[in-house]
């Protein structure tokens, strides 16, 4: 199957702007630290589940 698009995440930039560590975000949101690090490093974006609560808190 040919990939037609590429998802990227700016979470690393957002966390730096808000002076928040991935660990603190994990504790505050209850999200798995592994999921947050995947988003920070743009890994596994094609099969990661993103919770709406995490997306809302980043806004």
C-alpha atoms as a PDB file:
ATOM      1  CA  UNK A   1       0.000   0.000   0.000  1.00  0.00           C
ATOM      2  CA  UNK A   2       1.380   3.381  -0.987  1.00  0.00           C
ATOM      3  CA  UNK A   3       1.443   6.017   1.776  1.00  0.00           C
ATOM      4  CA  UNK A   4      -0.389   9.125   0.601  1.00  0.00           C
ATOM      5  CA  UNK A   5       0.138  11.361   3.620  1.00  0.00           C
ATOM      6  CA  UNK A   6       2.441  11.871   6.576  1.00  0.00           C
ATOM      7  CA  UNK A   7       1.286  12.820  10.062  1.00  0.00           C
ATOM      8  CA  UNK A   8       3.617  14.888  12.214  1.00  0.00           C
ATOM      9  CA  UNK A   9       3.242  16.210  15.717  1.00  0.00           C
ATOM     10  CA  UNK A  10       4.564  19.465  17.158  1.00  0.00           C
ATOM     11  CA  UNK A  11       4.246  18.296  20.748  1.00  0.00           C
ATOM     12  CA  UNK A  12       7.932  18.843  21.507  1.00  0.00           C
ATOM     13  CA  UNK A  13       7.690  22.500  20.459  1.00  0.00           C
ATOM     14  CA  UNK A  14       4.424  22.993  22.359  1.00  0.00           C
ATOM     15  CA  UNK A  15       5.861  21.517  25.562  1.00  0.00           C
ATOM     16  CA  UNK A  16       8.955  23.736  25.330  1.00  0.00           C
ATOM     17  CA  UNK A  17       6.803  26.834  24.786  1.00  0.00           C
ATOM     18  CA  UNK A  18       4.690  25.995  27.835  1.00  0.00           C
ATOM     19  CA  UNK A  19       7.701  24.842  29.901  1.00  0.00           C
ATOM     20  CA  UNK A  20       6.191  21.399  30.549  1.00  0.00           C
ATOM     21  CA  UNK A  21       8.055  18.098  30.572  1.00  0.00           C
ATOM     22  CA  UNK A  22       6.611  14.959  28.974  1.00  0.00           C
ATOM     23  CA  UNK A  23       6.622  13.358  32.435  1.00  0.00           C
ATOM     24  CA  UNK A  24       4.570  16.206  33.942  1.00  0.00           C
ATOM     25  CA  UNK A  25       2.133  16.060  31.027  1.00  0.00           C
ATOM     26  CA  UNK A  26       1.760  12.332  31.612  1.00  0.00           C
ATOM     27  CA  UNK A  27       1.006  12.824  35.305  1.00  0.00           C
ATOM     28  CA  UNK A  28      -1.394  15.729  34.688  1.00  0.00           C
ATOM     29  CA  UNK A  29      -3.392  13.988  31.964  1.00  0.00           C
ATOM     30  CA  UNK A  30      -3.145  10.359  33.048  1.00  0.00           C
ATOM     31  CA  UNK A  31      -1.833   9.432  29.604  1.00  0.00           C
ATOM     32  CA  UNK A  32       0.849   6.788  29.219  1.00  0.00           C
ATOM     33  CA  UNK A  33       4.360   8.274  29.193  1.00  0.00           C
ATOM     34  CA  UNK A  34       5.243   6.016  26.257  1.00  0.00           C
ATOM     35  CA  UNK A  35       2.448   7.508  24.155  1.00  0.00           C
ATOM     36  CA  UNK A  36       3.584  11.030  24.967  1.00  0.00           C
ATOM     37  CA  UNK A  37       7.197  10.248  24.078  1.00  0.00           C
ATOM     38  CA  UNK A  38       6.037   8.717  20.786  1.00  0.00           C
ATOM     39  CA  UNK A  39       4.269  11.985  20.003  1.00  0.00           C
ATOM     40  CA  UNK A  40       7.270  14.073  21.069  1.00  0.00           C
ATOM     41  CA  UNK A  41       9.563  12.006  18.837  1.00  0.00           C
ATOM     42  CA  UNK A  42       7.065  11.648  15.954  1.00  0.00           C
ATOM     43  CA  UNK A  43       7.217   7.865  16.149  1.00  0.00           C
ATOM     44  CA  UNK A  44       4.331   5.543  15.406  1.00  0.00           C
ATOM     45  CA  UNK A  45       1.996   8.348  14.433  1.00  0.00           C
ATOM     46  CA  UNK A  46       0.193   6.101  11.975  1.00  0.00           C
ATOM     47  CA  UNK A  47      -0.976   3.684  14.671  1.00  0.00           C
ATOM     48  CA  UNK A  48      -1.066   5.751  17.886  1.00  0.00           C
ATOM     49  CA  UNK A  49      -4.314   6.505  19.661  1.00  0.00           C
ATOM     50  CA  UNK A  50      -4.716  10.126  20.640  1.00  0.00           C
ATOM     51  CA  UNK A  51      -7.181  10.850  23.388  1.00  0.00           C
ATOM     52  CA  UNK A  52      -9.369  13.904  23.052  1.00  0.00           C
ATOM     53  CA  UNK A  53      -8.518  14.915  26.621  1.00  0.00           C
ATOM     54  CA  UNK A  54      -4.818  15.071  25.745  1.00  0.00           C
ATOM     55  CA  UNK A  55      -5.491  17.116  22.617  1.00  0.00           C
ATOM     56  CA  UNK A  56      -7.769  19.453  24.577  1.00  0.00           C
ATOM     57  CA  UNK A  57      -5.177  20.084  27.289  1.00  0.00           C
ATOM     58  CA  UNK A  58      -2.554  20.996  24.696  1.00  0.00           C
ATOM     59  CA  UNK A  59      -4.736  23.661  23.178  1.00  0.00           C
END
